[in-house]
């Protein structure tokens, strides 16, 4: 019980100082970078194999 209260208190402290949002923002930014790289790689593979046209490739690449 004491451990739970201690963790809750630490969480409230980090939330009030803004450190919690900064840490969570960094984690989300890292995940988004990985997703973008995977999407571009998948797009390039589909274009190379002829599954999509150059027009579609250009439109999707501009969106990414």
N, C-alpha and C. Protein backbone atom coordinates (compact mmCIF):
# COMPACT_ATOMS: atom_id res chain seq x y z
N UNK A 1 0.82 -1.19 0.00
CA UNK A 1 0.00 0.00 0.00
C UNK A 1 0.87 1.26 0.00
N UNK A 2 1.91 1.22 0.80
CA UNK A 2 2.82 2.36 0.89
C UNK A 2 3.53 2.58 -0.45
N UNK A 3 3.89 1.48 -1.10
CA UNK A 3 4.56 1.57 -2.39
C UNK A 3 3.64 2.20 -3.43
N UNK A 4 2.38 1.83 -3.41
CA UNK A 4 1.41 2.39 -4.34
C UNK A 4 1.26 3.89 -4.13
N UNK A 5 1.18 4.32 -2.89
CA UNK A 5 1.08 5.75 -2.59
C UNK A 5 2.34 6.50 -3.01
N UNK A 6 3.48 5.88 -2.81
CA UNK A 6 4.75 6.49 -3.21
C UNK A 6 4.80 6.67 -4.73
N UNK A 7 4.43 5.64 -5.48
CA UNK A 7 4.41 5.74 -6.94
C UNK A 7 3.41 6.79 -7.42
N UNK A 8 2.27 6.85 -6.77
CA UNK A 8 1.26 7.84 -7.11
C UNK A 8 1.78 9.25 -6.86
N UNK A 9 2.46 9.45 -5.74
CA UNK A 9 3.03 10.75 -5.42
C UNK A 9 4.11 11.17 -6.40
N UNK A 10 4.95 10.23 -6.79
CA UNK A 10 5.99 10.53 -7.78
C UNK A 10 5.36 10.89 -9.12
N UNK A 11 4.32 10.17 -9.51
CA UNK A 11 3.62 10.47 -10.76
C UNK A 11 3.00 11.86 -10.75
N UNK A 12 2.39 12.24 -9.65
CA UNK A 12 1.80 13.58 -9.52
C UNK A 12 2.88 14.65 -9.61
N UNK A 13 4.03 14.40 -8.98
CA UNK A 13 5.13 15.36 -9.03
C UNK A 13 5.62 15.56 -10.46
N UNK A 14 5.86 14.46 -11.18
CA UNK A 14 6.33 14.57 -12.55
C UNK A 14 5.29 15.22 -13.46
N UNK A 15 4.02 14.97 -13.19
CA UNK A 15 2.96 15.60 -13.98
C UNK A 15 2.93 17.10 -13.75
N UNK A 16 3.06 17.51 -12.50
CA UNK A 16 2.99 18.94 -12.19
C UNK A 16 4.21 19.71 -12.70
N UNK A 17 5.37 19.07 -12.79
CA UNK A 17 6.57 19.75 -13.28
C UNK A 17 6.66 19.72 -14.80
N UNK A 18 5.86 18.89 -15.47
CA UNK A 18 5.88 18.80 -16.92
C UNK A 18 6.84 17.74 -17.44
N UNK A 19 7.58 17.10 -16.56
CA UNK A 19 8.52 16.07 -17.01
C UNK A 19 7.81 14.86 -17.58
N UNK A 20 6.67 14.53 -17.05
CA UNK A 20 5.93 13.36 -17.53
C UNK A 20 5.51 13.55 -18.99
N UNK A 21 4.99 14.73 -19.33
CA UNK A 21 4.57 14.99 -20.69
C UNK A 21 5.76 14.97 -21.64
N UNK A 22 6.90 15.49 -21.19
CA UNK A 22 8.09 15.52 -22.04
C UNK A 22 8.56 14.09 -22.33
N UNK A 23 8.58 13.24 -21.32
CA UNK A 23 9.02 11.85 -21.51
C UNK A 23 8.06 11.11 -22.43
N UNK A 24 6.77 11.27 -22.20
CA UNK A 24 5.80 10.58 -23.05
C UNK A 24 5.83 11.12 -24.47
N UNK A 25 6.10 12.39 -24.65
CA UNK A 25 6.23 12.97 -25.98
C UNK A 25 7.41 12.40 -26.73
N UNK A 26 8.52 12.18 -26.03
CA UNK A 26 9.70 11.60 -26.66
C UNK A 26 9.45 10.17 -27.09
N UNK A 27 8.73 9.43 -26.29
CA UNK A 27 8.42 8.03 -26.63
C UNK A 27 7.54 7.98 -27.87
N UNK A 28 6.52 8.82 -27.92
CA UNK A 28 5.62 8.84 -29.08
C UNK A 28 6.34 9.30 -30.33
N UNK A 29 7.22 10.26 -30.23
CA UNK A 29 7.96 10.74 -31.39
C UNK A 29 8.85 9.64 -31.95
N UNK A 30 9.45 8.87 -31.08
CA UNK A 30 10.31 7.78 -31.54
C UNK A 30 9.50 6.73 -32.28
N UNK A 31 8.30 6.41 -31.77
CA UNK A 31 7.44 5.42 -32.42
C UNK A 31 7.00 5.91 -33.79
N UNK A 32 6.68 7.19 -33.91
CA UNK A 32 6.23 7.73 -35.18
C UNK A 32 7.33 7.69 -36.23
N UNK A 33 8.58 7.92 -35.84
CA UNK A 33 9.68 7.87 -36.79
C UNK A 33 9.83 6.47 -37.36
N UNK A 34 9.69 5.48 -36.50
CA UNK A 34 9.80 4.10 -36.97
C UNK A 34 8.67 3.74 -37.93
N UNK A 35 7.47 4.21 -37.64
CA UNK A 35 6.34 3.91 -38.51
C UNK A 35 6.51 4.56 -39.87
N UNK A 36 7.02 5.77 -39.91
CA UNK A 36 7.24 6.45 -41.19
C UNK A 36 8.27 5.73 -42.03
N UNK A 37 9.33 5.26 -41.40
CA UNK A 37 10.38 4.54 -42.13
C UNK A 37 9.82 3.23 -42.69
N UNK A 38 9.03 2.54 -41.90
CA UNK A 38 8.43 1.29 -42.37
C UNK A 38 7.45 1.54 -43.51
N UNK A 39 6.69 2.62 -43.42
CA UNK A 39 5.73 2.92 -44.47
C UNK A 39 6.45 3.26 -45.78
N UNK A 40 7.52 4.04 -45.69
CA UNK A 40 8.28 4.37 -46.91
C UNK A 40 8.91 3.13 -47.52
N UNK A 41 9.41 2.26 -46.68
CA UNK A 41 10.03 1.03 -47.17
C UNK A 41 8.99 0.15 -47.88
N UNK A 42 7.82 0.04 -47.28
CA UNK A 42 6.75 -0.74 -47.88
C UNK A 42 6.29 -0.13 -49.20
N UNK A 43 6.20 1.20 -49.22
CA UNK A 43 5.80 1.90 -50.44
C UNK A 43 6.82 1.66 -51.55
N UNK A 44 8.10 1.76 -51.21
CA UNK A 44 9.15 1.53 -52.22
C UNK A 44 9.10 0.11 -52.76
N UNK A 45 8.84 -0.86 -51.88
CA UNK A 45 8.77 -2.26 -52.32
C UNK A 45 7.57 -2.48 -53.25
N UNK A 46 6.44 -1.87 -52.92
CA UNK A 46 5.26 -2.02 -53.78
C UNK A 46 5.48 -1.37 -55.14
N UNK A 47 6.17 -0.23 -55.14
CA UNK A 47 6.46 0.46 -56.41
C UNK A 47 7.45 -0.36 -57.24
N UNK A 48 8.46 -0.91 -56.60
CA UNK A 48 9.47 -1.69 -57.31
C UNK A 48 8.88 -2.97 -57.91
N UNK A 49 7.89 -3.54 -57.22
CA UNK A 49 7.30 -4.77 -57.74
C UNK A 49 6.21 -4.51 -58.76
N UNK A 50 5.86 -3.25 -58.97
CA UNK A 50 4.86 -2.91 -59.97
C UNK A 50 3.43 -2.95 -59.49
N UNK A 51 3.23 -3.03 -58.19
CA UNK A 51 1.87 -3.08 -57.66
C UNK A 51 1.15 -1.74 -57.75
N UNK A 52 1.92 -0.63 -57.73
CA UNK A 52 1.32 0.69 -57.84
C UNK A 52 2.01 1.46 -58.96
N UNK A 53 1.29 2.42 -59.52
CA UNK A 53 1.83 3.21 -60.62
C UNK A 53 2.72 4.32 -60.07
N UNK A 54 3.45 4.95 -60.96
CA UNK A 54 4.32 6.04 -60.53
C UNK A 54 3.51 7.23 -60.03
N UNK A 55 2.32 7.42 -60.58
CA UNK A 55 1.44 8.50 -60.13
C UNK A 55 0.99 8.26 -58.69
N UNK A 56 0.55 7.03 -58.40
CA UNK A 56 0.14 6.67 -57.03
C UNK A 56 1.33 6.77 -56.08
N UNK A 57 2.47 6.31 -56.53
CA UNK A 57 3.69 6.35 -55.71
C UNK A 57 4.02 7.78 -55.31
N UNK A 58 3.96 8.69 -56.26
CA UNK A 58 4.28 10.09 -55.98
C UNK A 58 3.28 10.71 -55.00
N UNK A 59 2.00 10.44 -55.20
CA UNK A 59 0.98 10.99 -54.30
C UNK A 59 1.17 10.49 -52.87
N UNK A 60 1.38 9.19 -52.72
CA UNK A 60 1.52 8.62 -51.37
C UNK A 60 2.81 9.09 -50.73
N UNK A 61 3.87 9.15 -51.50
CA UNK A 61 5.15 9.60 -50.95
C UNK A 61 5.07 11.03 -50.46
N UNK A 62 4.35 11.88 -51.17
CA UNK A 62 4.17 13.27 -50.73
C UNK A 62 3.37 13.35 -49.43
N UNK A 63 2.45 12.41 -49.21
CA UNK A 63 1.69 12.38 -47.98
C UNK A 63 2.55 11.98 -46.78
N UNK A 64 3.52 11.10 -47.05
CA UNK A 64 4.39 10.65 -45.96
C UNK A 64 5.40 11.71 -45.66
